[in-house]
Amino acid sequence: GEEFGGEPIESELVWVLDPIDGTFNYAAGSPMAAILLGLLWRGTPVAGLTWLPFMGQRYVAMDGGPVRDGDTALPPLAPSTLADSIVGIQTFNIDSKGRFPGRFRSAVLSGLSRECSRMRMHGATGVDLAYVGAGVLG
């Protein structure tokens, strides 16, 4: 994220925090914002939390354990096809430059829209990843 500071990421134990994932959403009053917290042991993720306070959802997981939605352990994800999947996509600007310019991304999204069940743009990567872990998104 945009936040920096603290112990080096390779430290024996280090917490990594994004206090507002989906900052623009939060500032606009959208509930699609999250607090992300991860624990790394020697650079390897061992525990994580995605809290969507405005949605009343809290996803947690520890290395080797199930994803939990609150106190409920979620079942392992079953294989699925792209055609049966809702795919979360990140926001973009058609005129953006960089490694993957907006026009290139637009073409990729156009092709993807023909293959997947539906696409959703939540505007917060942590929300998308939590919903993948919960089996909401494919």
N, C-alpha and C. Protein backbone atom coordinates (compact mmCIF):
# COMPACT_ATOMS: atom_id res chain seq x y z
N GLY A 1 0.81 -1.19 0.00
CA GLY A 1 0.00 0.00 0.00
C GLY A 1 0.86 1.26 0.00
N GLU A 2 0.27 2.33 0.43
CA GLU A 2 0.95 3.62 0.47
C GLU A 2 1.71 3.82 1.78
N GLU A 3 1.50 2.95 2.74
CA GLU A 3 2.08 3.12 4.06
C GLU A 3 3.47 2.47 4.12
N PHE A 4 4.37 3.12 4.87
CA PHE A 4 5.73 2.61 4.99
C PHE A 4 6.17 2.74 6.44
N GLY A 5 7.24 2.03 6.79
CA GLY A 5 7.83 2.15 8.11
C GLY A 5 7.84 0.81 8.82
N GLY A 6 8.47 0.80 9.97
CA GLY A 6 8.52 -0.41 10.78
C GLY A 6 9.74 -1.26 10.47
N GLU A 7 9.69 -2.45 11.00
CA GLU A 7 10.80 -3.40 10.84
C GLU A 7 10.93 -3.85 9.39
N PRO A 8 12.15 -4.25 8.97
CA PRO A 8 12.31 -4.79 7.62
C PRO A 8 11.42 -6.01 7.41
N ILE A 9 10.91 -6.18 6.23
CA ILE A 9 9.96 -7.25 5.91
C ILE A 9 10.57 -8.64 6.15
N GLU A 10 11.90 -8.75 6.11
CA GLU A 10 12.57 -10.04 6.30
C GLU A 10 12.83 -10.34 7.78
N SER A 11 12.40 -9.48 8.70
CA SER A 11 12.61 -9.71 10.13
C SER A 11 11.99 -11.03 10.55
N GLU A 12 12.41 -11.54 11.71
CA GLU A 12 11.88 -12.84 12.14
C GLU A 12 10.36 -12.82 12.21
N LEU A 13 9.78 -11.85 12.89
CA LEU A 13 8.33 -11.66 12.92
C LEU A 13 8.03 -10.20 12.63
N VAL A 14 7.12 -9.96 11.72
CA VAL A 14 6.75 -8.58 11.40
C VAL A 14 5.27 -8.53 11.02
N TRP A 15 4.59 -7.54 11.54
CA TRP A 15 3.20 -7.26 11.17
C TRP A 15 3.20 -6.32 9.97
N VAL A 16 2.29 -6.56 9.03
CA VAL A 16 2.11 -5.70 7.88
C VAL A 16 0.66 -5.22 7.90
N LEU A 17 0.46 -3.91 7.83
CA LEU A 17 -0.88 -3.34 7.98
C LEU A 17 -1.19 -2.38 6.85
N ASP A 18 -2.36 -2.53 6.28
CA ASP A 18 -2.94 -1.51 5.40
C ASP A 18 -4.19 -1.04 6.13
N PRO A 19 -4.14 0.14 6.75
CA PRO A 19 -5.26 0.58 7.59
C PRO A 19 -6.53 0.90 6.81
N ILE A 20 -6.40 1.25 5.54
CA ILE A 20 -7.59 1.48 4.71
C ILE A 20 -7.31 1.01 3.29
N ASP A 21 -7.71 -0.23 3.00
CA ASP A 21 -7.64 -0.75 1.64
C ASP A 21 -8.92 -0.28 0.95
N GLY A 22 -8.78 0.43 -0.14
CA GLY A 22 -9.94 1.04 -0.79
C GLY A 22 -10.15 2.45 -0.25
N THR A 23 -9.04 3.20 -0.15
CA THR A 23 -9.09 4.55 0.41
C THR A 23 -10.09 5.43 -0.31
N PHE A 24 -10.11 5.36 -1.63
CA PHE A 24 -11.05 6.19 -2.39
C PHE A 24 -12.49 5.80 -2.07
N ASN A 25 -12.76 4.49 -1.97
CA ASN A 25 -14.09 4.03 -1.59
C ASN A 25 -14.47 4.60 -0.23
N TYR A 26 -13.57 4.48 0.73
CA TYR A 26 -13.82 4.97 2.09
C TYR A 26 -14.14 6.47 2.07
N ALA A 27 -13.32 7.22 1.36
CA ALA A 27 -13.52 8.67 1.31
C ALA A 27 -14.84 9.05 0.64
N ALA A 28 -15.31 8.21 -0.28
CA ALA A 28 -16.56 8.48 -0.99
C ALA A 28 -17.78 7.95 -0.25
N GLY A 29 -17.55 7.23 0.87
CA GLY A 29 -18.67 6.68 1.63
C GLY A 29 -19.11 5.30 1.19
N SER A 30 -18.33 4.65 0.32
CA SER A 30 -18.65 3.28 -0.10
C SER A 30 -18.23 2.31 1.00
N PRO A 31 -19.05 1.29 1.28
CA PRO A 31 -18.68 0.31 2.30
C PRO A 31 -17.60 -0.66 1.86
N MET A 32 -17.18 -0.61 0.60
CA MET A 32 -16.17 -1.54 0.09
C MET A 32 -14.76 -1.06 0.44
N ALA A 33 -14.47 -1.04 1.71
CA ALA A 33 -13.15 -0.69 2.22
C ALA A 33 -12.81 -1.70 3.32
N ALA A 34 -11.54 -1.97 3.48
CA ALA A 34 -11.13 -3.01 4.41
C ALA A 34 -9.90 -2.58 5.20
N ILE A 35 -9.70 -3.27 6.30
CA ILE A 35 -8.46 -3.17 7.08
C ILE A 35 -7.75 -4.51 6.87
N LEU A 36 -6.51 -4.45 6.39
CA LEU A 36 -5.74 -5.66 6.10
C LEU A 36 -4.59 -5.77 7.09
N LEU A 37 -4.42 -6.93 7.68
CA LEU A 37 -3.34 -7.17 8.63
C LEU A 37 -2.76 -8.54 8.36
N GLY A 38 -1.45 -8.59 8.23
CA GLY A 38 -0.78 -9.86 8.01
C GLY A 38 0.40 -10.02 8.96
N LEU A 39 0.70 -11.26 9.31
CA LEU A 39 1.86 -11.58 10.12
C LEU A 39 2.81 -12.41 9.27
N LEU A 40 4.06 -11.93 9.15
CA LEU A 40 5.08 -12.64 8.38
C LEU A 40 6.12 -13.20 9.34
N TRP A 41 6.53 -14.41 9.08
CA TRP A 41 7.64 -15.02 9.81
C TRP A 41 8.76 -15.24 8.81
N ARG A 42 9.84 -14.47 8.99
CA ARG A 42 10.97 -14.52 8.07
C ARG A 42 10.54 -14.32 6.62
N GLY A 43 9.62 -13.39 6.40
CA GLY A 43 9.15 -13.04 5.07
C GLY A 43 8.05 -13.90 4.51
N THR A 44 7.63 -14.93 5.24
CA THR A 44 6.58 -15.84 4.78
C THR A 44 5.29 -15.54 5.53
N PRO A 45 4.17 -15.34 4.82
CA PRO A 45 2.90 -15.09 5.51
C PRO A 45 2.47 -16.29 6.34
N VAL A 46 2.09 -16.04 7.60
CA VAL A 46 1.61 -17.12 8.47
C VAL A 46 0.21 -16.86 9.01
N ALA A 47 -0.26 -15.61 8.97
CA ALA A 47 -1.60 -15.30 9.44
C ALA A 47 -2.07 -14.03 8.75
N GLY A 48 -3.38 -13.94 8.54
CA GLY A 48 -3.91 -12.75 7.90
C GLY A 48 -5.33 -12.46 8.33
N LEU A 49 -5.67 -11.19 8.27
CA LEU A 49 -7.01 -10.70 8.59
C LEU A 49 -7.44 -9.73 7.51
N THR A 50 -8.63 -9.89 7.00
CA THR A 50 -9.28 -8.89 6.16
C THR A 50 -10.59 -8.56 6.85
N TRP A 51 -10.69 -7.34 7.34
CA TRP A 51 -11.88 -6.90 8.07
C TRP A 51 -12.60 -5.87 7.23
N LEU A 52 -13.82 -6.15 6.89
CA LEU A 52 -14.68 -5.22 6.16
C LEU A 52 -15.67 -4.65 7.18
N PRO A 53 -15.27 -3.63 7.92
CA PRO A 53 -16.09 -3.17 9.05
C PRO A 53 -17.46 -2.65 8.64
N PHE A 54 -17.58 -2.05 7.47
CA PHE A 54 -18.86 -1.50 7.04
C PHE A 54 -19.79 -2.56 6.46
N MET A 55 -19.24 -3.74 6.19
CA MET A 55 -20.03 -4.86 5.67
C MET A 55 -20.30 -5.89 6.76
N GLY A 56 -19.69 -5.70 7.94
CA GLY A 56 -19.86 -6.65 9.03
C GLY A 56 -19.22 -8.00 8.76
N GLN A 57 -18.13 -8.00 7.99
CA GLN A 57 -17.45 -9.25 7.66
C GLN A 57 -16.00 -9.20 8.13
N ARG A 58 -15.53 -10.35 8.63
CA ARG A 58 -14.15 -10.47 9.08
C ARG A 58 -13.64 -11.85 8.67
N TYR A 59 -12.66 -11.84 7.77
CA TYR A 59 -12.05 -13.08 7.29
C TYR A 59 -10.67 -13.22 7.92
N VAL A 60 -10.38 -14.39 8.46
CA VAL A 60 -9.07 -14.65 9.05
C VAL A 60 -8.58 -16.01 8.57
N ALA A 61 -7.27 -16.16 8.53
CA ALA A 61 -6.68 -17.44 8.18
C ALA A 61 -5.29 -17.52 8.78
N MET A 62 -4.88 -18.75 9.10
CA MET A 62 -3.52 -19.02 9.54
C MET A 62 -2.96 -20.10 8.63
N ASP A 63 -1.65 -20.07 8.46
CA ASP A 63 -0.98 -21.04 7.60
C ASP A 63 -1.39 -22.45 7.99
N GLY A 64 -1.88 -23.22 7.02
CA GLY A 64 -2.28 -24.60 7.26
C GLY A 64 -3.70 -24.76 7.76
N GLY A 65 -4.38 -23.66 8.04
CA GLY A 65 -5.74 -23.75 8.57
C GLY A 65 -6.76 -23.25 7.57
N PRO A 66 -8.03 -23.37 7.92
CA PRO A 66 -9.07 -22.91 7.00
C PRO A 66 -9.23 -21.40 7.05
N VAL A 67 -9.86 -20.85 6.02
CA VAL A 67 -10.30 -19.46 6.05
C VAL A 67 -11.53 -19.43 6.95
N ARG A 68 -11.61 -18.44 7.80
CA ARG A 68 -12.78 -18.30 8.68
C ARG A 68 -13.52 -17.02 8.34
N ASP A 69 -14.82 -17.13 8.28
CA ASP A 69 -15.71 -15.99 8.13
C ASP A 69 -16.30 -15.78 9.52
N GLY A 70 -15.71 -14.84 10.27
CA GLY A 70 -16.08 -14.71 11.68
C GLY A 70 -15.62 -15.96 12.41
N ASP A 71 -16.54 -16.64 13.07
CA ASP A 71 -16.20 -17.87 13.80
C ASP A 71 -16.41 -19.13 12.97
N THR A 72 -16.92 -18.99 11.76
CA THR A 72 -17.25 -20.14 10.93
C THR A 72 -16.10 -20.50 10.01
N ALA A 73 -15.62 -21.74 10.13
CA ALA A 73 -14.58 -22.24 9.21
C ALA A 73 -15.23 -22.53 7.87
N LEU A 74 -14.67 -21.97 6.81
CA LEU A 74 -15.20 -22.18 5.47
C LEU A 74 -14.63 -23.46 4.88
N PRO A 75 -15.40 -24.15 4.05
CA PRO A 75 -14.88 -25.37 3.43
C PRO A 75 -13.80 -25.02 2.41
N PRO A 76 -12.91 -25.98 2.12
CA PRO A 76 -11.91 -25.75 1.08
C PRO A 76 -12.60 -25.41 -0.24
N LEU A 77 -11.93 -24.61 -1.05
CA LEU A 77 -12.49 -24.23 -2.33
C LEU A 77 -12.53 -25.42 -3.27
N ALA A 78 -13.64 -25.56 -3.98
CA ALA A 78 -13.78 -26.62 -4.98
C ALA A 78 -13.32 -26.08 -6.32
N PRO A 79 -12.77 -26.93 -7.17
CA PRO A 79 -12.39 -26.48 -8.51
C PRO A 79 -13.62 -25.96 -9.25
N SER A 80 -13.41 -24.94 -10.06
CA SER A 80 -14.51 -24.42 -10.88
C SER A 80 -13.93 -23.91 -12.20
N THR A 81 -14.80 -23.66 -13.12
CA THR A 81 -14.36 -23.16 -14.43
C THR A 81 -14.48 -21.65 -14.46
N LEU A 82 -13.77 -21.04 -15.36
CA LEU A 82 -13.86 -19.59 -15.54
C LEU A 82 -15.29 -19.21 -15.91
N ALA A 83 -15.95 -20.03 -16.71
CA ALA A 83 -17.32 -19.74 -17.13
C ALA A 83 -18.29 -19.70 -15.96
N ASP A 84 -17.96 -20.39 -14.86
CA ASP A 84 -18.83 -20.42 -13.68
C ASP A 84 -18.39 -19.41 -12.62
N SER A 85 -17.36 -18.62 -12.91
CA SER A 85 -16.77 -17.75 -11.90
C SER A 85 -17.16 -16.28 -12.07
N ILE A 86 -17.36 -15.63 -10.94
CA ILE A 86 -17.45 -14.17 -10.90
C ILE A 86 -16.02 -13.71 -10.64
N VAL A 87 -15.52 -12.81 -11.46
CA VAL A 87 -14.13 -12.38 -11.38
C VAL A 87 -14.06 -10.93 -10.92
N GLY A 88 -13.28 -10.69 -9.88
CA GLY A 88 -13.06 -9.33 -9.40
C GLY A 88 -11.95 -8.68 -10.20
N ILE A 89 -12.20 -7.48 -10.66
CA ILE A 89 -11.19 -6.74 -11.42
C ILE A 89 -10.88 -5.44 -10.70
N GLN A 90 -9.69 -4.99 -10.84
CA GLN A 90 -9.27 -3.75 -10.17
C GLN A 90 -9.65 -2.55 -11.04
N THR A 91 -9.77 -1.41 -10.42
CA THR A 91 -10.09 -0.19 -11.16
C THR A 91 -8.95 0.17 -12.10
N PHE A 92 -9.27 0.92 -13.12
CA PHE A 92 -8.24 1.36 -14.05
C PHE A 92 -8.73 2.60 -14.79
N ASN A 93 -7.78 3.25 -15.44
CA ASN A 93 -8.05 4.42 -16.25
C ASN A 93 -7.65 4.08 -17.68
N ILE A 94 -8.55 4.24 -18.61
CA ILE A 94 -8.30 3.87 -20.01
C ILE A 94 -7.08 4.59 -20.58
N ASP A 95 -6.78 5.80 -20.07
CA ASP A 95 -5.65 6.57 -20.57
C ASP A 95 -4.37 6.40 -19.75
N SER A 96 -4.37 5.46 -18.80
CA SER A 96 -3.18 5.30 -17.96
C SER A 96 -2.01 4.75 -18.79
N LYS A 97 -0.81 5.09 -18.36
CA LYS A 97 0.42 4.63 -19.01
C LYS A 97 1.02 3.53 -18.14
N GLY A 98 2.27 3.23 -18.36
CA GLY A 98 2.95 2.27 -17.50
C GLY A 98 3.13 0.93 -18.18
N ARG A 99 3.49 -0.05 -17.37
CA ARG A 99 3.80 -1.38 -17.87
C ARG A 99 2.62 -2.02 -18.60
N PHE A 100 1.41 -1.84 -18.05
CA PHE A 100 0.20 -2.36 -18.68
C PHE A 100 -0.75 -1.19 -18.90
N PRO A 101 -0.61 -0.49 -20.01
CA PRO A 101 -1.43 0.69 -20.28
C PRO A 101 -2.93 0.37 -20.25
N GLY A 102 -3.72 1.40 -19.97
CA GLY A 102 -5.17 1.24 -19.86
C GLY A 102 -5.81 0.60 -21.06
N ARG A 103 -5.37 0.95 -22.24
CA ARG A 103 -5.97 0.38 -23.45
C ARG A 103 -5.68 -1.12 -23.57
N PHE A 104 -4.49 -1.57 -23.13
CA PHE A 104 -4.18 -2.99 -23.12
C PHE A 104 -5.06 -3.70 -22.10
N ARG A 105 -5.19 -3.13 -20.90
CA ARG A 105 -6.02 -3.72 -19.86
C ARG A 105 -7.47 -3.80 -20.31
N SER A 106 -7.94 -2.78 -21.04
CA SER A 106 -9.30 -2.78 -21.55
C SER A 106 -9.52 -3.96 -22.49
N ALA A 107 -8.55 -4.24 -23.34
CA ALA A 107 -8.66 -5.38 -24.26
C ALA A 107 -8.69 -6.70 -23.50
N VAL A 108 -7.85 -6.83 -22.46
CA VAL A 108 -7.84 -8.04 -21.64
C VAL A 108 -9.19 -8.22 -20.96
N LEU A 109 -9.72 -7.14 -20.37
CA LEU A 109 -11.01 -7.22 -19.69
C LEU A 109 -12.14 -7.55 -20.66
N SER A 110 -12.05 -7.03 -21.86
CA SER A 110 -13.05 -7.33 -22.88
C SER A 110 -13.07 -8.83 -23.18
N GLY A 111 -11.90 -9.40 -23.37
CA GLY A 111 -11.82 -10.85 -23.62
C GLY A 111 -12.28 -11.66 -22.42
N LEU A 112 -11.88 -11.23 -21.23
CA LEU A 112 -12.27 -11.94 -20.00
C LEU A 112 -13.78 -11.92 -19.82
N SER A 113 -14.41 -10.81 -20.16
CA SER A 113 -15.86 -10.69 -19.99
C SER A 113 -16.62 -11.70 -20.86
N ARG A 114 -16.01 -12.13 -21.93
CA ARG A 114 -16.65 -13.11 -22.80
C ARG A 114 -16.51 -14.53 -22.26
N GLU A 115 -15.60 -14.74 -21.32
CA GLU A 115 -15.31 -16.09 -20.83
C GLU A 115 -15.86 -16.37 -19.43
N CYS A 116 -15.93 -15.36 -18.57
CA CYS A 116 -16.36 -15.60 -17.19
C CYS A 116 -17.86 -15.34 -17.04
N SER A 117 -18.40 -15.77 -15.92
CA SER A 117 -19.82 -15.58 -15.66
C SER A 117 -20.16 -14.09 -15.55
N ARG A 118 -19.44 -13.38 -14.68
CA ARG A 118 -19.64 -11.95 -14.46
C ARG A 118 -18.33 -11.35 -13.97
N MET A 119 -18.22 -10.03 -14.10
CA MET A 119 -17.06 -9.31 -13.57
C MET A 119 -17.58 -8.28 -12.57
N ARG A 120 -16.79 -8.03 -11.52
CA ARG A 120 -17.15 -7.05 -10.51
C ARG A 120 -15.94 -6.18 -10.21
N MET A 121 -16.16 -4.89 -10.06
CA MET A 121 -15.10 -3.95 -9.73
C MET A 121 -15.40 -3.36 -8.36
N HIS A 122 -14.74 -3.90 -7.34
CA HIS A 122 -14.97 -3.43 -5.97
C HIS A 122 -14.10 -2.24 -5.60
N GLY A 123 -12.98 -2.07 -6.25
CA GLY A 123 -12.12 -0.93 -5.97
C GLY A 123 -11.20 -1.12 -4.78
N ALA A 124 -11.06 -2.35 -4.30
CA ALA A 124 -10.17 -2.65 -3.18
C ALA A 124 -9.64 -4.07 -3.35
N THR A 125 -8.36 -4.19 -3.56
CA THR A 125 -7.75 -5.50 -3.82
C THR A 125 -7.98 -6.47 -2.67
N GLY A 126 -7.87 -5.99 -1.44
CA GLY A 126 -8.08 -6.86 -0.27
C GLY A 126 -9.48 -7.44 -0.23
N VAL A 127 -10.47 -6.66 -0.63
CA VAL A 127 -11.85 -7.14 -0.69
C VAL A 127 -11.94 -8.26 -1.73
N ASP A 128 -11.37 -8.02 -2.91
CA ASP A 128 -11.39 -9.06 -3.95
C ASP A 128 -10.72 -10.34 -3.47
N LEU A 129 -9.55 -10.22 -2.85
CA LEU A 129 -8.83 -11.42 -2.41
C LEU A 129 -9.57 -12.15 -1.29
N ALA A 130 -10.19 -11.41 -0.37
CA ALA A 130 -10.97 -12.04 0.69
C ALA A 130 -12.15 -12.81 0.10
N TYR A 131 -12.79 -12.21 -0.90
CA TYR A 131 -13.93 -12.88 -1.53
C TYR A 131 -13.51 -14.08 -2.36
N VAL A 132 -12.29 -14.10 -2.88
CA VAL A 132 -11.78 -15.31 -3.53
C VAL A 132 -11.60 -16.39 -2.48
N GLY A 133 -10.97 -16.06 -1.36
CA GLY A 133 -10.77 -17.04 -0.29
C GLY A 133 -12.06 -17.58 0.27
N ALA A 134 -13.12 -16.76 0.27
CA ALA A 134 -14.42 -17.19 0.78
C ALA A 134 -15.25 -17.91 -0.27
N GLY A 135 -14.75 -17.96 -1.52
CA GLY A 135 -15.47 -18.65 -2.58
C GLY A 135 -16.54 -17.81 -3.25
N VAL A 136 -16.59 -16.52 -2.96
CA VAL A 136 -17.55 -15.62 -3.60
C VAL A 136 -17.10 -15.32 -5.02
N LEU A 137 -15.83 -14.98 -5.18
CA LEU A 137 -15.24 -14.73 -6.48
C LEU A 137 -14.41 -15.93 -6.91
N GLY A 138 -14.25 -16.09 -8.21
CA GLY A 138 -13.44 -17.19 -8.73
C GLY A 138 -12.04 -16.74 -9.05
